[in-house]
Amino acid sequence: MSEATAPKPKAAQRIQSAAKDLFYRQGIRATGVEEVCRVAEATKMSLYRAYPSKDALIAAILQEDAEEYDAWFSEVTAGATTPEAKLRALFDAIARKLESPDYRGCPMLLAQAEFPDPDHPTHRIVAAFKARVCNNMVELSREAGAADPQQLGELLAVMFDGAWSSLPYLGGRRAGEVLRAGVEIFFRTMLPDR
């Protein structure tokens, strides 16, 4: 079927896709549902039929972001044969991502920054996701033989999130270089000699 005759995605898919892009580029609070509907070529009735509130739409997008991260993590670490190699592959992939000119940072952290109230559903979703990512780094640090895997995993998680937030003042290339250098320092000092 040619692109011209291919069926248009359902309204809910168009809405979520448009909202995801707009929220990432402009911010969640700066983007109204009217703009989402206009870009998605959908009605507000369609939006609220699929998502009972803007918070429900945000939650659906964050769930999609978490699933995309999991798939990305699996992809970038697929060739790694050891826990240390997985961590190295992960941070190398993050450094490369930082260098992309359209990359604004972690969509999860961007969302959480707009909702600082720890009781807000968006804040809680992101906190749970980030805790899971941190726990994964702690577990990989343990498997890699770190003397203090909790500390190494948490340090790596801080480097992971700090790299995104340094984009505005370091730029992507430099942020990637600093990230790689920092991770090497942690590995040299906290992992057993090879």
Protein backbone atom coordinates (compact mmCIF):
# COMPACT_ATOMS: atom_id res chain seq x y z
CA MET A 1 0.00 0.00 0.00
CA SER A 2 1.47 3.38 -0.92
CA GLU A 3 1.97 6.09 1.65
CA ALA A 4 -0.74 8.21 0.01
CA THR A 5 -3.33 5.46 0.41
CA ALA A 6 -2.16 4.08 3.77
CA PRO A 7 -4.79 4.43 6.47
CA LYS A 8 -4.29 7.27 8.93
CA PRO A 9 -3.36 6.14 12.47
CA LYS A 10 -6.21 6.17 14.95
CA ALA A 11 -6.90 9.44 16.75
CA ALA A 12 -5.49 8.18 20.06
CA GLN A 13 -2.20 7.22 18.38
CA ARG A 14 -1.96 10.56 16.59
CA ILE A 15 -2.75 12.42 19.81
CA GLN A 16 -0.13 10.58 21.85
CA SER A 17 2.50 10.97 19.12
CA ALA A 18 1.80 14.69 18.69
CA ALA A 19 1.73 15.30 22.44
CA LYS A 20 4.96 13.40 22.97
CA ASP A 21 6.77 15.51 20.39
CA LEU A 22 5.27 18.82 21.56
CA PHE A 23 5.84 18.10 25.25
CA TYR A 24 9.48 17.23 24.56
CA ARG A 25 10.18 20.27 22.38
CA GLN A 26 8.07 22.91 24.15
CA GLY A 27 7.35 21.55 27.61
CA ILE A 28 4.24 19.97 29.05
CA ARG A 29 2.79 23.00 30.78
CA ALA A 30 3.50 25.22 27.77
CA THR A 31 1.53 22.92 25.47
CA GLY A 32 -2.25 23.02 25.65
CA VAL A 33 -4.60 20.25 24.61
CA GLU A 34 -5.92 22.47 21.81
CA GLU A 35 -2.47 22.57 20.22
CA VAL A 36 -2.06 18.81 20.65
CA CYS A 37 -5.41 18.25 18.92
CA ARG A 38 -4.53 20.65 16.10
CA VAL A 39 -1.19 18.95 15.40
CA ALA A 40 -2.76 15.49 15.72
CA GLU A 41 -5.67 16.46 13.47
CA ALA A 42 -8.07 15.26 16.16
CA THR A 43 -10.88 16.72 18.23
CA LYS A 44 -10.83 17.43 21.94
CA MET A 45 -13.60 14.85 22.23
CA SER A 46 -11.24 12.25 20.72
CA LEU A 47 -8.49 13.27 23.12
CA TYR A 48 -10.69 13.00 26.21
CA ARG A 49 -12.24 9.75 25.00
CA ALA A 50 -8.76 8.19 24.81
CA TYR A 51 -7.24 10.01 27.80
CA PRO A 52 -9.62 11.18 30.56
CA SER A 53 -7.22 14.01 31.50
CA LYS A 54 -3.98 15.66 30.45
CA ASP A 55 -2.32 13.81 33.35
CA ALA A 56 -3.51 10.50 31.84
CA LEU A 57 -2.00 11.51 28.49
CA ILE A 58 1.28 12.43 30.22
CA ALA A 59 1.29 9.08 32.05
CA ALA A 60 0.78 7.20 28.77
CA ILE A 61 3.68 9.07 27.20
CA LEU A 62 5.95 8.43 30.19
CA GLN A 63 5.07 4.72 30.04
CA GLU A 64 6.02 4.76 26.35
CA ASP A 65 9.27 6.57 27.21
CA ALA A 66 10.10 3.90 29.83
CA GLU A 67 9.45 1.12 27.32
CA GLU A 68 11.60 2.89 24.72
CA TYR A 69 14.42 3.24 27.27
CA ASP A 70 14.25 -0.48 28.08
CA ALA A 71 14.41 -1.37 24.37
CA TRP A 72 17.26 1.12 23.83
CA PHE A 73 19.18 -0.29 26.83
CA SER A 74 18.81 -3.82 25.46
CA GLU A 75 19.95 -2.69 22.03
CA VAL A 76 23.04 -0.75 23.15
CA THR A 77 24.19 -3.48 25.55
CA ALA A 78 23.38 -6.46 23.31
CA GLY A 79 26.99 -7.08 22.34
CA ALA A 80 28.39 -6.66 25.86
CA THR A 81 29.50 -9.93 27.45
CA THR A 82 30.21 -8.73 31.00
CA PRO A 83 28.43 -6.41 33.45
CA GLU A 84 31.28 -3.87 33.17
CA ALA A 85 31.04 -4.01 29.36
CA LYS A 86 27.28 -3.38 29.65
CA LEU A 87 27.91 -0.29 31.77
CA ARG A 88 30.57 0.94 29.36
CA ALA A 89 28.27 0.37 26.37
CA LEU A 90 25.45 2.20 28.13
CA PHE A 91 27.53 5.27 28.93
CA ASP A 92 29.11 5.34 25.49
CA ALA A 93 25.60 5.30 23.97
CA ILE A 94 24.51 8.12 26.29
CA ALA A 95 27.55 10.18 25.27
CA ARG A 96 26.67 9.67 21.59
CA LYS A 97 23.06 10.67 22.28
CA LEU A 98 24.25 13.89 23.94
CA GLU A 99 25.99 14.87 20.70
CA SER A 100 22.75 14.84 18.68
CA PRO A 101 21.80 18.46 17.85
CA ASP A 102 18.07 17.89 18.48
CA TYR A 103 18.59 16.17 21.79
CA ARG A 104 17.17 18.17 24.71
CA GLY A 105 17.88 15.64 27.42
CA CYS A 106 16.03 12.90 29.21
CA PRO A 107 12.29 13.27 28.56
CA MET A 108 11.57 11.80 31.99
CA LEU A 109 13.65 14.43 33.81
CA LEU A 110 12.21 17.19 31.64
CA ALA A 111 8.72 16.07 32.69
CA GLN A 112 9.65 15.76 36.35
CA ALA A 113 11.16 19.26 36.38
CA GLU A 114 7.75 20.65 35.42
CA PHE A 115 6.04 18.83 38.29
CA PRO A 116 8.20 19.29 41.42
CA ASP A 117 5.44 18.23 43.84
CA PRO A 118 6.47 14.71 44.94
CA ASP A 119 2.78 13.76 45.21
CA HIS A 120 1.98 14.65 41.60
CA PRO A 121 1.45 11.52 39.44
CA THR A 122 4.04 12.65 36.87
CA HIS A 123 6.67 13.18 39.55
CA ARG A 124 5.95 9.75 41.06
CA ILE A 125 6.10 7.95 37.69
CA VAL A 126 9.47 9.49 36.88
CA ALA A 127 10.86 8.88 40.38
CA ALA A 128 9.91 5.20 40.15
CA PHE A 129 11.47 4.88 36.69
CA LYS A 130 14.68 6.61 37.75
CA ALA A 131 14.91 4.44 40.89
CA ARG A 132 14.62 1.36 38.67
CA VAL A 133 17.39 2.65 36.37
CA CYS A 134 19.60 3.39 39.39
CA ASN A 135 18.91 -0.06 40.87
CA ASN A 136 19.90 -1.60 37.54
CA MET A 137 23.24 0.25 37.70
CA VAL A 138 23.75 -0.92 41.28
CA GLU A 139 23.07 -4.52 40.23
CA LEU A 140 25.44 -4.28 37.25
CA SER A 141 28.07 -2.77 39.58
CA ARG A 142 27.59 -5.70 41.98
CA GLU A 143 27.92 -8.20 39.12
CA ALA A 144 31.06 -6.36 37.92
CA GLY A 145 32.66 -6.93 41.34
CA ALA A 146 32.58 -3.39 42.76
CA ALA A 147 33.66 -3.26 46.40
CA ASP A 148 30.73 -0.91 47.12
CA PRO A 149 28.19 -1.56 44.36
CA GLN A 150 25.55 0.68 45.95
CA GLN A 151 27.87 3.67 45.87
CA LEU A 152 29.17 2.98 42.35
CA GLY A 153 25.67 2.42 40.98
CA GLU A 154 24.39 5.63 42.55
CA LEU A 155 27.43 7.59 41.34
CA LEU A 156 26.82 6.28 37.82
CA ALA A 157 23.13 7.23 38.08
CA VAL A 158 24.12 10.76 39.10
CA MET A 159 26.55 10.93 36.16
CA PHE A 160 23.80 9.60 33.88
CA ASP A 161 21.32 12.31 34.88
CA GLY A 162 23.94 15.03 35.34
CA ALA A 163 25.09 14.60 31.75
CA TRP A 164 21.63 15.51 30.47
CA SER A 165 21.43 18.61 32.64
CA SER A 166 24.85 19.87 31.52
CA LEU A 167 23.79 20.16 27.88
CA PRO A 168 22.86 23.89 28.02
CA TYR A 169 26.23 25.04 29.36
CA LEU A 170 28.70 22.39 28.18
CA GLY A 171 27.15 21.49 24.85
CA GLY A 172 26.63 17.93 23.71
CA ARG A 173 30.16 17.07 22.59
CA ARG A 174 31.81 18.30 25.79
CA ALA A 175 29.12 16.76 28.00
CA GLY A 176 29.80 13.41 26.33
CA GLU A 177 33.56 13.76 26.84
CA VAL A 178 33.15 14.64 30.52
CA LEU A 179 30.71 11.77 31.01
CA ARG A 180 33.12 9.24 29.50
CA ALA A 181 36.03 10.60 31.58
CA GLY A 182 34.01 10.53 34.81
CA VAL A 183 32.83 6.98 34.25
CA GLU A 184 36.43 5.87 33.60
CA ILE A 185 37.55 7.45 36.88
CA PHE A 186 34.81 5.61 38.78
CA PHE A 187 35.65 2.30 37.09
CA ARG A 188 39.40 2.70 37.77
CA THR A 189 38.87 3.46 41.44
CA MET A 190 35.86 1.28 42.29
CA LEU A 191 36.11 -1.88 40.16
CA PRO A 192 38.64 -4.66 40.77
CA ASP A 193 41.81 -4.66 38.69
CA ARG A 194 41.47 -6.61 35.47
